[in-house]
Amino acid sequence: MPSKRFKGKKNRKINVNHDSKTLSLGSLEELSKARRSVLDPPWEGPNLIPGDVLWSDPSKNLGLAPNKERGIGLLWGPDCTEEFLKKYQLKLIIRSHEGPDAREKRDGLDGMDEGYTIDHTVDSGKLVTVFSAPDYPQFQATEKRYNNKGSYVVLEPPNFDNPIFHGFSAVTPRPKVNAYYDYEEVIDSDEELDLASMVTS
């Protein structure tokens, strides 16, 4: 869900003191205008929407609050899910990008053991999180593994609003896989980013 952060300099949509009273839900119109062709979403300035969409997480607490755990994005409660679904006459929000490592640090939310969770069930519909990487982290040599399932969602007619979850496990033994690219060769530092390209007028 896009969000809107007010106050500060002209065209700036973040309140520097992170007063959660100034946060409000954004719109699909704002999302459609956001510049999405950047390597990393900006942490401040006029184009916060991509970062908010990519890094915001659901919460059991009502309202919007800064996402201090990630350092970018927001936390939103079931009241925000209800407001968004109702405003746009939707029945379902499907999100991703929150694995078992992040979930184990979050009080009140279900774990990602099955590859999905239903985070909010409200009058207008549901918010679900899907994680499709089984046995996370997949390609890192680490002692701690989560042995979680991955999953994907199928939506069927006529209403496409009742998600059917399909879980799957990792292949064992783990095959040797070479990385598609070495991220350190792709970009050496944040200074190589074209920061001007992140700003929209």
N, C-alpha and C. Protein backbone atom coordinates (compact mmCIF):
# COMPACT_ATOMS: atom_id res chain seq x y z
N MET A 1 0.84 -1.17 0.00
CA MET A 1 0.00 0.00 0.00
C MET A 1 0.88 1.23 0.00
N PRO A 2 0.61 2.16 -0.88
CA PRO A 2 1.38 3.39 -0.84
C PRO A 2 1.02 4.20 0.39
N SER A 3 1.93 5.03 0.81
CA SER A 3 1.66 5.91 1.93
C SER A 3 2.04 7.33 1.54
N LYS A 4 1.63 8.25 2.34
CA LYS A 4 1.92 9.64 2.09
C LYS A 4 2.50 10.21 3.37
N ARG A 5 3.65 10.88 3.28
CA ARG A 5 4.24 11.49 4.46
C ARG A 5 4.35 12.98 4.20
N PHE A 6 3.79 13.76 5.10
CA PHE A 6 3.69 15.19 4.89
C PHE A 6 4.75 15.97 5.65
N LYS A 7 4.83 17.26 5.36
CA LYS A 7 5.61 18.31 6.01
C LYS A 7 7.02 18.39 5.48
N GLY A 8 7.74 19.41 5.95
CA GLY A 8 9.11 19.60 5.54
C GLY A 8 9.21 20.50 4.34
N LYS A 9 10.30 20.37 3.58
CA LYS A 9 10.57 21.21 2.43
C LYS A 9 9.55 20.97 1.33
N LYS A 10 9.50 21.91 0.38
CA LYS A 10 8.60 21.78 -0.76
C LYS A 10 8.88 20.45 -1.47
N ASN A 11 7.82 19.76 -1.84
CA ASN A 11 7.88 18.47 -2.53
C ASN A 11 8.45 17.35 -1.66
N ARG A 12 8.66 17.59 -0.41
CA ARG A 12 9.17 16.54 0.46
C ARG A 12 8.00 15.91 1.21
N LYS A 13 7.93 14.61 1.25
CA LYS A 13 6.79 13.94 1.86
C LYS A 13 7.20 13.15 3.09
N ILE A 14 8.17 13.65 3.81
CA ILE A 14 8.55 12.98 5.06
C ILE A 14 8.66 14.02 6.15
N ASN A 15 8.19 13.66 7.30
CA ASN A 15 8.30 14.52 8.46
C ASN A 15 9.56 14.09 9.19
N VAL A 16 10.52 14.99 9.32
CA VAL A 16 11.83 14.66 9.84
C VAL A 16 11.77 14.07 11.24
N ASN A 17 10.84 14.52 12.08
CA ASN A 17 10.79 14.00 13.44
C ASN A 17 9.98 12.70 13.54
N HIS A 18 9.55 12.16 12.43
CA HIS A 18 8.82 10.88 12.39
C HIS A 18 7.61 10.86 13.30
N ASP A 19 6.92 11.96 13.39
CA ASP A 19 5.69 12.03 14.18
C ASP A 19 4.63 11.23 13.43
N SER A 20 4.21 10.10 13.98
CA SER A 20 3.29 9.21 13.27
C SER A 20 1.92 9.85 13.06
N LYS A 21 1.62 10.95 13.74
CA LYS A 21 0.34 11.61 13.54
C LYS A 21 0.25 12.26 12.17
N THR A 22 1.38 12.50 11.51
CA THR A 22 1.37 13.15 10.20
C THR A 22 1.34 12.15 9.05
N LEU A 23 1.37 10.87 9.34
CA LEU A 23 1.36 9.85 8.30
C LEU A 23 -0.06 9.56 7.85
N SER A 24 -0.24 9.33 6.56
CA SER A 24 -1.55 8.93 6.05
C SER A 24 -1.36 8.03 4.84
N LEU A 25 -2.38 7.25 4.53
CA LEU A 25 -2.31 6.37 3.37
C LEU A 25 -2.26 7.20 2.10
N GLY A 26 -1.48 6.73 1.15
CA GLY A 26 -1.44 7.35 -0.15
C GLY A 26 -2.52 6.76 -1.04
N SER A 27 -2.38 7.00 -2.34
CA SER A 27 -3.41 6.54 -3.28
C SER A 27 -2.79 5.73 -4.41
N LEU A 28 -3.62 5.00 -5.12
CA LEU A 28 -3.15 4.28 -6.30
C LEU A 28 -2.70 5.25 -7.37
N GLU A 29 -3.32 6.42 -7.42
CA GLU A 29 -2.91 7.45 -8.38
C GLU A 29 -1.47 7.89 -8.10
N GLU A 30 -1.15 8.12 -6.82
CA GLU A 30 0.23 8.49 -6.47
C GLU A 30 1.20 7.37 -6.82
N LEU A 31 0.80 6.15 -6.56
CA LEU A 31 1.65 5.01 -6.89
C LEU A 31 1.91 4.94 -8.39
N SER A 32 0.90 5.20 -9.19
CA SER A 32 1.07 5.12 -10.64
C SER A 32 2.02 6.19 -11.17
N LYS A 33 2.19 7.28 -10.43
CA LYS A 33 3.07 8.37 -10.86
C LYS A 33 4.49 8.23 -10.31
N ALA A 34 4.69 7.31 -9.38
CA ALA A 34 6.00 7.18 -8.73
C ALA A 34 7.03 6.63 -9.70
N ARG A 35 8.23 7.17 -9.62
CA ARG A 35 9.34 6.68 -10.45
C ARG A 35 9.82 5.35 -9.86
N ARG A 36 9.75 4.31 -10.66
CA ARG A 36 10.10 2.98 -10.17
C ARG A 36 11.39 2.43 -10.76
N SER A 37 11.99 3.14 -11.68
CA SER A 37 13.18 2.61 -12.35
C SER A 37 14.46 3.10 -11.68
N VAL A 38 14.60 2.80 -10.40
CA VAL A 38 15.80 3.16 -9.66
C VAL A 38 16.36 1.89 -9.02
N LEU A 39 17.68 1.86 -8.82
CA LEU A 39 18.29 0.68 -8.22
C LEU A 39 17.84 0.47 -6.78
N ASP A 40 17.88 1.52 -6.00
CA ASP A 40 17.44 1.47 -4.62
C ASP A 40 16.47 2.61 -4.38
N PRO A 41 15.39 2.37 -3.68
CA PRO A 41 14.47 3.47 -3.40
C PRO A 41 15.14 4.52 -2.53
N PRO A 42 14.83 5.79 -2.74
CA PRO A 42 15.41 6.84 -1.92
C PRO A 42 14.89 6.77 -0.49
N TRP A 43 15.72 7.18 0.45
CA TRP A 43 15.36 7.17 1.86
C TRP A 43 14.68 8.46 2.26
N GLU A 44 14.82 9.48 1.45
CA GLU A 44 14.20 10.76 1.75
C GLU A 44 13.97 11.50 0.44
N GLY A 45 13.23 12.59 0.52
CA GLY A 45 12.97 13.39 -0.67
C GLY A 45 11.59 13.15 -1.23
N PRO A 46 11.39 13.63 -2.47
CA PRO A 46 10.04 13.66 -3.03
C PRO A 46 9.51 12.32 -3.53
N ASN A 47 10.34 11.31 -3.64
CA ASN A 47 9.88 10.06 -4.25
C ASN A 47 10.02 8.88 -3.29
N LEU A 48 9.36 8.98 -2.14
CA LEU A 48 9.45 7.93 -1.12
C LEU A 48 8.54 6.75 -1.41
N ILE A 49 7.61 6.89 -2.32
CA ILE A 49 6.60 5.85 -2.53
C ILE A 49 7.21 4.49 -2.87
N PRO A 50 8.20 4.39 -3.80
CA PRO A 50 8.76 3.05 -4.05
C PRO A 50 9.33 2.39 -2.80
N GLY A 51 10.03 3.15 -1.98
CA GLY A 51 10.56 2.60 -0.73
C GLY A 51 9.47 2.17 0.22
N ASP A 52 8.40 2.99 0.29
CA ASP A 52 7.28 2.64 1.16
C ASP A 52 6.60 1.36 0.69
N VAL A 53 6.44 1.20 -0.61
CA VAL A 53 5.78 0.01 -1.14
C VAL A 53 6.67 -1.23 -0.94
N LEU A 54 7.96 -1.10 -1.21
CA LEU A 54 8.87 -2.24 -1.12
C LEU A 54 9.19 -2.66 0.31
N TRP A 55 9.29 -1.72 1.23
CA TRP A 55 9.83 -2.03 2.55
C TRP A 55 8.85 -1.85 3.69
N SER A 56 7.61 -1.53 3.44
CA SER A 56 6.62 -1.42 4.51
C SER A 56 6.10 -2.80 4.89
N ASP A 57 5.71 -2.94 6.13
CA ASP A 57 5.27 -4.24 6.65
C ASP A 57 3.98 -4.09 7.45
N PRO A 58 3.15 -5.14 7.47
CA PRO A 58 1.94 -5.10 8.29
C PRO A 58 2.27 -5.21 9.77
N SER A 59 1.34 -4.73 10.56
CA SER A 59 1.47 -4.77 12.02
C SER A 59 0.10 -5.10 12.59
N LYS A 60 0.08 -5.60 13.80
CA LYS A 60 -1.20 -5.81 14.49
C LYS A 60 -1.66 -4.53 15.17
N ASN A 61 -0.75 -3.55 15.31
CA ASN A 61 -1.10 -2.27 15.92
C ASN A 61 -1.83 -1.39 14.92
N LEU A 62 -2.79 -0.63 15.39
CA LEU A 62 -3.55 0.26 14.51
C LEU A 62 -2.69 1.42 14.04
N GLY A 63 -3.03 1.95 12.86
CA GLY A 63 -2.38 3.15 12.34
C GLY A 63 -1.12 2.88 11.56
N LEU A 64 -0.41 3.98 11.26
CA LEU A 64 0.86 3.95 10.55
C LEU A 64 1.97 4.38 11.50
N ALA A 65 3.14 3.78 11.34
CA ALA A 65 4.30 4.15 12.15
C ALA A 65 5.56 3.90 11.33
N PRO A 66 6.64 4.62 11.62
CA PRO A 66 7.90 4.35 10.92
C PRO A 66 8.35 2.91 11.15
N ASN A 67 8.93 2.30 10.13
CA ASN A 67 9.44 0.93 10.22
C ASN A 67 10.88 0.99 10.72
N LYS A 68 11.05 1.06 12.02
CA LYS A 68 12.37 1.24 12.62
C LYS A 68 13.26 0.02 12.41
N GLU A 69 12.69 -1.16 12.35
CA GLU A 69 13.48 -2.39 12.16
C GLU A 69 14.21 -2.37 10.83
N ARG A 70 13.52 -1.96 9.77
CA ARG A 70 14.13 -1.91 8.45
C ARG A 70 14.87 -0.60 8.20
N GLY A 71 14.45 0.46 8.86
CA GLY A 71 15.06 1.77 8.63
C GLY A 71 14.50 2.48 7.41
N ILE A 72 13.51 1.91 6.78
CA ILE A 72 12.86 2.49 5.61
C ILE A 72 11.45 1.92 5.57
N GLY A 73 10.53 2.65 5.00
CA GLY A 73 9.14 2.18 4.91
C GLY A 73 8.38 2.42 6.20
N LEU A 74 7.19 1.84 6.26
CA LEU A 74 6.28 2.05 7.38
C LEU A 74 5.73 0.72 7.89
N LEU A 75 5.13 0.75 9.05
CA LEU A 75 4.31 -0.35 9.56
C LEU A 75 2.87 0.12 9.48
N TRP A 76 1.97 -0.76 9.02
CA TRP A 76 0.56 -0.37 8.96
C TRP A 76 -0.30 -1.43 9.61
N GLY A 77 -1.37 -0.96 10.24
CA GLY A 77 -2.26 -1.84 10.98
C GLY A 77 -3.47 -2.28 10.19
N PRO A 78 -4.31 -3.14 10.79
CA PRO A 78 -5.50 -3.64 10.10
C PRO A 78 -6.48 -2.54 9.73
N ASP A 79 -6.49 -1.44 10.48
CA ASP A 79 -7.37 -0.33 10.12
C ASP A 79 -6.97 0.28 8.78
N CYS A 80 -5.67 0.33 8.50
CA CYS A 80 -5.18 0.85 7.22
C CYS A 80 -5.53 -0.11 6.08
N THR A 81 -5.41 -1.41 6.35
CA THR A 81 -5.80 -2.40 5.34
C THR A 81 -7.28 -2.25 5.01
N GLU A 82 -8.11 -2.12 6.02
CA GLU A 82 -9.55 -1.94 5.81
C GLU A 82 -9.83 -0.67 5.01
N GLU A 83 -9.19 0.43 5.37
CA GLU A 83 -9.40 1.71 4.67
C GLU A 83 -9.02 1.59 3.20
N PHE A 84 -7.88 0.97 2.91
CA PHE A 84 -7.40 0.84 1.54
C PHE A 84 -8.31 -0.07 0.72
N LEU A 85 -8.65 -1.24 1.26
CA LEU A 85 -9.53 -2.16 0.54
C LEU A 85 -10.88 -1.52 0.26
N LYS A 86 -11.43 -0.87 1.25
CA LYS A 86 -12.75 -0.26 1.11
C LYS A 86 -12.72 0.88 0.09
N LYS A 87 -11.70 1.73 0.17
CA LYS A 87 -11.60 2.89 -0.73
C LYS A 87 -11.53 2.46 -2.18
N TYR A 88 -10.80 1.38 -2.46
CA TYR A 88 -10.61 0.95 -3.84
C TYR A 88 -11.46 -0.26 -4.21
N GLN A 89 -12.40 -0.61 -3.36
CA GLN A 89 -13.32 -1.73 -3.59
C GLN A 89 -12.56 -3.01 -3.94
N LEU A 90 -11.53 -3.27 -3.16
CA LEU A 90 -10.73 -4.48 -3.32
C LEU A 90 -11.07 -5.45 -2.20
N LYS A 91 -10.72 -6.71 -2.41
CA LYS A 91 -10.96 -7.73 -1.39
C LYS A 91 -9.68 -8.36 -0.88
N LEU A 92 -8.56 -8.07 -1.56
CA LEU A 92 -7.35 -8.79 -1.24
C LEU A 92 -6.12 -7.95 -1.56
N ILE A 93 -5.17 -7.96 -0.64
CA ILE A 93 -3.83 -7.42 -0.89
C ILE A 93 -2.87 -8.58 -0.72
N ILE A 94 -2.05 -8.83 -1.74
CA ILE A 94 -1.01 -9.85 -1.67
C ILE A 94 0.32 -9.13 -1.71
N ARG A 95 1.14 -9.39 -0.72
CA ARG A 95 2.45 -8.76 -0.65
C ARG A 95 3.51 -9.84 -0.48
N SER A 96 4.77 -9.43 -0.58
CA SER A 96 5.86 -10.38 -0.48
C SER A 96 7.03 -9.73 0.24
N HIS A 97 8.18 -10.35 0.14
CA HIS A 97 9.45 -9.79 0.59
C HIS A 97 9.53 -9.65 2.10
N GLU A 98 9.07 -10.65 2.80
CA GLU A 98 9.29 -10.69 4.25
C GLU A 98 9.44 -12.15 4.65
N GLY A 99 10.68 -12.56 4.81
CA GLY A 99 10.98 -13.95 5.06
C GLY A 99 10.93 -14.33 6.53
N PRO A 100 11.27 -15.59 6.81
CA PRO A 100 11.19 -16.08 8.18
C PRO A 100 12.15 -15.37 9.13
N ASP A 101 13.28 -14.88 8.62
CA ASP A 101 14.22 -14.17 9.48
C ASP A 101 13.63 -12.86 9.98
N ALA A 102 12.92 -12.15 9.12
CA ALA A 102 12.28 -10.90 9.53
C ALA A 102 11.08 -11.19 10.44
N ARG A 103 10.32 -12.22 10.12
CA ARG A 103 9.12 -12.53 10.90
C ARG A 103 9.43 -12.96 12.33
N GLU A 104 10.54 -13.63 12.54
CA GLU A 104 10.83 -14.08 13.90
C GLU A 104 11.13 -12.91 14.84
N LYS A 105 11.39 -11.74 14.29
CA LYS A 105 11.66 -10.54 15.10
C LYS A 105 10.40 -9.72 15.36
N ARG A 106 9.26 -10.13 14.81
CA ARG A 106 8.06 -9.31 14.86
C ARG A 106 7.02 -9.95 15.77
N ASP A 107 6.75 -9.29 16.88
CA ASP A 107 5.76 -9.78 17.83
C ASP A 107 4.36 -9.69 17.26
N GLY A 108 3.56 -10.72 17.52
CA GLY A 108 2.15 -10.68 17.17
C GLY A 108 1.81 -11.16 15.78
N LEU A 109 2.80 -11.37 14.92
CA LEU A 109 2.53 -11.86 13.57
C LEU A 109 2.96 -13.31 13.46
N ASP A 110 2.22 -14.08 12.66
CA ASP A 110 2.56 -15.49 12.46
C ASP A 110 3.89 -15.63 11.75
N GLY A 111 4.55 -16.76 11.97
CA GLY A 111 5.81 -17.05 11.31
C GLY A 111 5.61 -17.40 9.84
N MET A 112 6.70 -17.49 9.11
CA MET A 112 6.65 -17.75 7.68
C MET A 112 7.02 -19.20 7.37
N ASP A 113 6.74 -20.11 8.29
CA ASP A 113 7.12 -21.52 8.13
C ASP A 113 6.47 -22.18 6.92
N GLU A 114 5.24 -21.82 6.62
CA GLU A 114 4.51 -22.44 5.51
C GLU A 114 4.65 -21.68 4.19
N GLY A 115 5.39 -20.56 4.20
CA GLY A 115 5.57 -19.78 2.98
C GLY A 115 4.51 -18.72 2.77
N TYR A 116 3.58 -18.60 3.69
CA TYR A 116 2.58 -17.54 3.60
C TYR A 116 1.97 -17.31 4.98
N THR A 117 1.37 -16.14 5.13
CA THR A 117 0.58 -15.84 6.33
C THR A 117 -0.60 -14.97 5.92
N ILE A 118 -1.67 -15.08 6.67
CA ILE A 118 -2.79 -14.16 6.53
C ILE A 118 -2.63 -13.17 7.68
N ASP A 119 -2.21 -11.96 7.36
CA ASP A 119 -1.83 -10.98 8.37
C ASP A 119 -3.00 -10.15 8.89
N HIS A 120 -3.90 -9.78 8.03
CA HIS A 120 -5.08 -9.01 8.44
C HIS A 120 -6.32 -9.63 7.81
N THR A 121 -7.32 -9.88 8.60
CA THR A 121 -8.65 -10.24 8.10
C THR A 121 -9.58 -9.15 8.61
N VAL A 122 -10.11 -8.37 7.67
CA VAL A 122 -10.95 -7.22 8.01
C VAL A 122 -12.29 -7.36 7.29
N ASP A 123 -13.22 -6.46 7.57
CA ASP A 123 -14.55 -6.54 6.97
C ASP A 123 -14.51 -6.59 5.44
N SER A 124 -13.60 -5.82 4.83
CA SER A 124 -13.56 -5.73 3.38
C SER A 124 -12.74 -6.83 2.72
N GLY A 125 -11.92 -7.56 3.47
CA GLY A 125 -11.12 -8.61 2.85
C GLY A 125 -9.93 -9.02 3.68
N LYS A 126 -8.81 -9.35 2.99
CA LYS A 126 -7.63 -9.89 3.65
C LYS A 126 -6.35 -9.26 3.12
N LEU A 127 -5.34 -9.31 3.97
CA LEU A 127 -3.97 -8.99 3.59
C LEU A 127 -3.15 -10.25 3.82
N VAL A 128 -2.48 -10.74 2.77
CA VAL A 128 -1.65 -11.93 2.91
C VAL A 128 -0.21 -11.61 2.50
N THR A 129 0.72 -12.31 3.12
CA THR A 129 2.13 -12.21 2.75
C THR A 129 2.56 -13.57 2.23
N VAL A 130 3.23 -13.56 1.08
CA VAL A 130 3.71 -14.79 0.44
C VAL A 130 5.23 -14.71 0.36
N PHE A 131 5.90 -15.80 0.67
CA PHE A 131 7.36 -15.88 0.58
C PHE A 131 7.70 -17.14 -0.18
N SER A 132 8.34 -17.02 -1.33
CA SER A 132 8.51 -18.17 -2.22
C SER A 132 9.92 -18.78 -2.19
N ALA A 133 10.71 -18.46 -1.18
CA ALA A 133 12.06 -19.02 -1.07
C ALA A 133 12.09 -20.08 0.03
N PRO A 134 12.04 -21.37 -0.33
CA PRO A 134 12.08 -22.41 0.70
C PRO A 134 13.47 -22.55 1.30
N ASP A 135 13.53 -23.05 2.52
CA ASP A 135 14.80 -23.30 3.22
C ASP A 135 15.70 -22.07 3.19
N TYR A 136 15.15 -20.96 3.62
CA TYR A 136 15.84 -19.67 3.58
C TYR A 136 16.96 -19.63 4.60
N PRO A 137 18.11 -19.01 4.33
CA PRO A 137 18.55 -18.41 3.08
C PRO A 137 19.06 -19.48 2.12
N GLN A 138 18.64 -19.39 0.89
CA GLN A 138 18.86 -20.48 -0.06
C GLN A 138 20.31 -20.73 -0.44
N PHE A 139 21.01 -19.71 -0.85
CA PHE A 139 22.32 -19.94 -1.45
C PHE A 139 23.46 -19.34 -0.62
N GLN A 140 23.26 -19.26 0.67
CA GLN A 140 24.30 -18.74 1.54
C GLN A 140 24.81 -19.87 2.42
N ALA A 141 26.12 -19.90 2.59
CA ALA A 141 26.71 -20.90 3.48
C ALA A 141 26.57 -20.40 4.90
N THR A 142 25.52 -20.81 5.55
CA THR A 142 25.25 -20.35 6.91
C THR A 142 24.80 -21.52 7.76
N GLU A 143 25.09 -21.47 9.04
CA GLU A 143 24.68 -22.55 9.92
C GLU A 143 23.19 -22.52 10.20
N LYS A 144 22.61 -21.32 10.31
CA LYS A 144 21.19 -21.22 10.64
C LYS A 144 20.35 -21.25 9.38
N ARG A 145 19.48 -22.23 9.29
CA ARG A 145 18.54 -22.33 8.19
C ARG A 145 17.15 -22.37 8.81
N TYR A 146 16.16 -21.89 8.07
CA TYR A 146 14.82 -21.82 8.63
C TYR A 146 13.96 -23.03 8.28
N ASN A 147 14.39 -23.84 7.32
CA ASN A 147 13.63 -25.02 6.90
C ASN A 147 12.16 -24.70 6.61
N ASN A 148 11.93 -23.48 6.17
CA ASN A 148 10.57 -23.05 5.83
C ASN A 148 10.19 -23.55 4.44
N LYS A 149 8.89 -23.65 4.22
CA LYS A 149 8.39 -23.90 2.87
C LYS A 149 8.32 -22.58 2.12
N GLY A 150 8.34 -22.67 0.81
CA GLY A 150 8.00 -21.53 -0.04
C GLY A 150 6.56 -21.73 -0.48
N SER A 151 5.94 -20.69 -0.99
CA SER A 151 4.58 -20.88 -1.50
C SER A 151 4.27 -19.90 -2.61
N TYR A 152 3.23 -20.22 -3.36
CA TYR A 152 2.69 -19.31 -4.36
C TYR A 152 1.18 -19.34 -4.23
N VAL A 153 0.54 -18.35 -4.83
CA VAL A 153 -0.91 -18.17 -4.68
C VAL A 153 -1.58 -18.34 -6.03
N VAL A 154 -2.71 -19.02 -6.04
CA VAL A 154 -3.57 -19.12 -7.22
C VAL A 154 -4.89 -18.44 -6.88
N LEU A 155 -5.34 -17.57 -7.78
CA LEU A 155 -6.64 -16.91 -7.63
C LEU A 155 -7.56 -17.44 -8.72
N GLU A 156 -8.75 -17.86 -8.34
CA GLU A 156 -9.66 -18.47 -9.30
C GLU A 156 -10.92 -17.63 -9.47
N PRO A 157 -11.53 -17.74 -10.67
CA PRO A 157 -12.78 -17.01 -10.91
C PRO A 157 -13.90 -17.61 -10.07
N PRO A 158 -14.98 -16.92 -9.86
CA PRO A 158 -15.33 -15.68 -10.55
C PRO A 158 -14.83 -14.42 -9.84
N ASN A 159 -14.54 -14.48 -8.54
CA ASN A 159 -14.22 -13.25 -7.81
C ASN A 159 -12.73 -13.04 -7.58
N PHE A 160 -11.92 -14.07 -7.75
CA PHE A 160 -10.46 -13.98 -7.57
C PHE A 160 -10.08 -13.42 -6.19
N ASP A 161 -10.90 -13.63 -5.19
CA ASP A 161 -10.64 -13.02 -3.88
C ASP A 161 -10.41 -14.04 -2.77
N ASN A 162 -10.34 -15.32 -3.12
CA ASN A 162 -10.10 -16.35 -2.13
C ASN A 162 -8.79 -17.06 -2.49
N PRO A 163 -7.67 -16.61 -1.93
CA PRO A 163 -6.38 -17.16 -2.34
C PRO A 163 -6.23 -18.64 -1.99
N ILE A 164 -5.71 -19.40 -2.94
CA ILE A 164 -5.39 -20.81 -2.71
C ILE A 164 -3.86 -20.89 -2.67
N PHE A 165 -3.33 -21.31 -1.52
CA PHE A 165 -1.89 -21.33 -1.32
C PHE A 165 -1.34 -22.71 -1.65
N HIS A 166 -0.24 -22.74 -2.37
CA HIS A 166 0.45 -23.97 -2.72
C HIS A 166 1.86 -23.89 -2.16
N GLY A 167 2.17 -24.77 -1.20
CA GLY A 167 3.48 -24.77 -0.58
C GLY A 167 4.40 -25.79 -1.24
N PHE A 168 5.69 -25.54 -1.13
CA PHE A 168 6.68 -26.46 -1.66
C PHE A 168 7.94 -26.37 -0.81
N SER A 169 8.70 -27.46 -0.81
CA SER A 169 9.94 -27.53 -0.03
C SER A 169 11.14 -27.43 -0.95
N ALA A 170 12.28 -27.15 -0.37
CA ALA A 170 13.53 -27.06 -1.13
C ALA A 170 13.98 -28.45 -1.55
N VAL A 171 14.70 -28.51 -2.64
CA VAL A 171 15.28 -29.75 -3.12
C VAL A 171 16.45 -30.12 -2.20
N THR A 172 16.49 -31.39 -1.82
CA THR A 172 17.63 -31.87 -1.03
C THR A 172 18.18 -33.13 -1.68
N PRO A 173 19.46 -33.37 -1.68
CA PRO A 173 20.45 -32.42 -1.18
C PRO A 173 20.51 -31.18 -2.06
N ARG A 174 20.96 -30.11 -1.46
CA ARG A 174 21.03 -28.83 -2.15
C ARG A 174 22.02 -28.90 -3.32
N PRO A 175 21.56 -28.58 -4.54
CA PRO A 175 22.48 -28.62 -5.68
C PRO A 175 23.45 -27.44 -5.64
N LYS A 176 24.62 -27.62 -6.23
CA LYS A 176 25.58 -26.52 -6.33
C LYS A 176 25.08 -25.58 -7.41
N VAL A 177 24.97 -24.32 -7.06
CA VAL A 177 24.46 -23.31 -7.99
C VAL A 177 25.41 -22.13 -7.99
N ASN A 178 25.80 -21.70 -9.18
CA ASN A 178 26.62 -20.49 -9.29
C ASN A 178 25.71 -19.28 -9.35
N ALA A 179 26.16 -18.21 -8.74
CA ALA A 179 25.38 -16.97 -8.76
C ALA A 179 25.25 -16.46 -10.18
N TYR A 180 24.11 -15.85 -10.47
CA TYR A 180 23.86 -15.28 -11.79
C TYR A 180 24.82 -14.14 -12.07
N TYR A 181 25.11 -13.34 -11.05
CA TYR A 181 26.08 -12.25 -11.19
C TYR A 181 26.68 -11.97 -9.83
N ASP A 182 27.82 -11.31 -9.84
CA ASP A 182 28.47 -10.89 -8.61
C ASP A 182 28.06 -9.45 -8.36
N TYR A 183 27.23 -9.23 -7.35
CA TYR A 183 26.70 -7.89 -7.12
C TYR A 183 27.81 -6.87 -6.88
N GLU A 184 28.96 -7.30 -6.35
CA GLU A 184 30.05 -6.35 -6.11
C GLU A 184 30.65 -5.85 -7.42
N GLU A 185 30.54 -6.64 -8.49
CA GLU A 185 31.03 -6.18 -9.78
C GLU A 185 30.00 -5.30 -10.48
N VAL A 186 28.75 -5.44 -10.12
CA VAL A 186 27.70 -4.65 -10.76
C VAL A 186 27.76 -3.20 -10.29
N ILE A 187 27.96 -2.99 -9.02
CA ILE A 187 28.02 -1.64 -8.48
C ILE A 187 28.97 -1.64 -7.29
N ASP A 188 29.89 -0.68 -7.29
CA ASP A 188 30.90 -0.62 -6.24
C ASP A 188 30.46 0.17 -5.02
N SER A 189 29.61 1.19 -5.23
CA SER A 189 29.22 2.02 -4.10
C SER A 189 27.94 2.75 -4.42
N ASP A 190 27.34 3.30 -3.38
CA ASP A 190 26.14 4.10 -3.56
C ASP A 190 26.42 5.36 -4.36
N GLU A 191 27.69 5.80 -4.40
CA GLU A 191 28.01 7.01 -5.15
C GLU A 191 27.81 6.81 -6.64
N GLU A 192 27.81 5.56 -7.10
CA GLU A 192 27.61 5.31 -8.52
C GLU A 192 26.15 5.41 -8.92
N LEU A 193 25.27 5.45 -7.95
CA LEU A 193 23.85 5.59 -8.26
C LEU A 193 23.59 6.95 -8.86
N ASP A 194 22.71 7.00 -9.80
CA ASP A 194 22.30 8.28 -10.37
C ASP A 194 21.19 8.83 -9.49
N LEU A 195 21.58 9.55 -8.44
CA LEU A 195 20.60 10.05 -7.49
C LEU A 195 19.61 11.00 -8.13
N ALA A 196 20.04 11.74 -9.15
CA ALA A 196 19.13 12.67 -9.81
C ALA A 196 17.99 11.93 -10.48
N SER A 197 18.22 10.69 -10.90
CA SER A 197 17.16 9.93 -11.57
C SER A 197 16.07 9.51 -10.61
N MET A 198 16.34 9.60 -9.30
CA MET A 198 15.34 9.20 -8.31
C MET A 198 14.33 10.29 -8.03
N VAL A 199 14.60 11.49 -8.47
CA VAL A 199 13.73 12.62 -8.17
C VAL A 199 12.74 12.82 -9.30
N THR A 200 11.47 12.94 -8.96
CA THR A 200 10.45 13.25 -9.95
C THR A 200 9.95 14.66 -9.70
N SER A 201 9.45 15.27 -10.73
CA SER A 201 8.94 16.64 -10.54
C SER A 201 7.48 16.65 -10.24
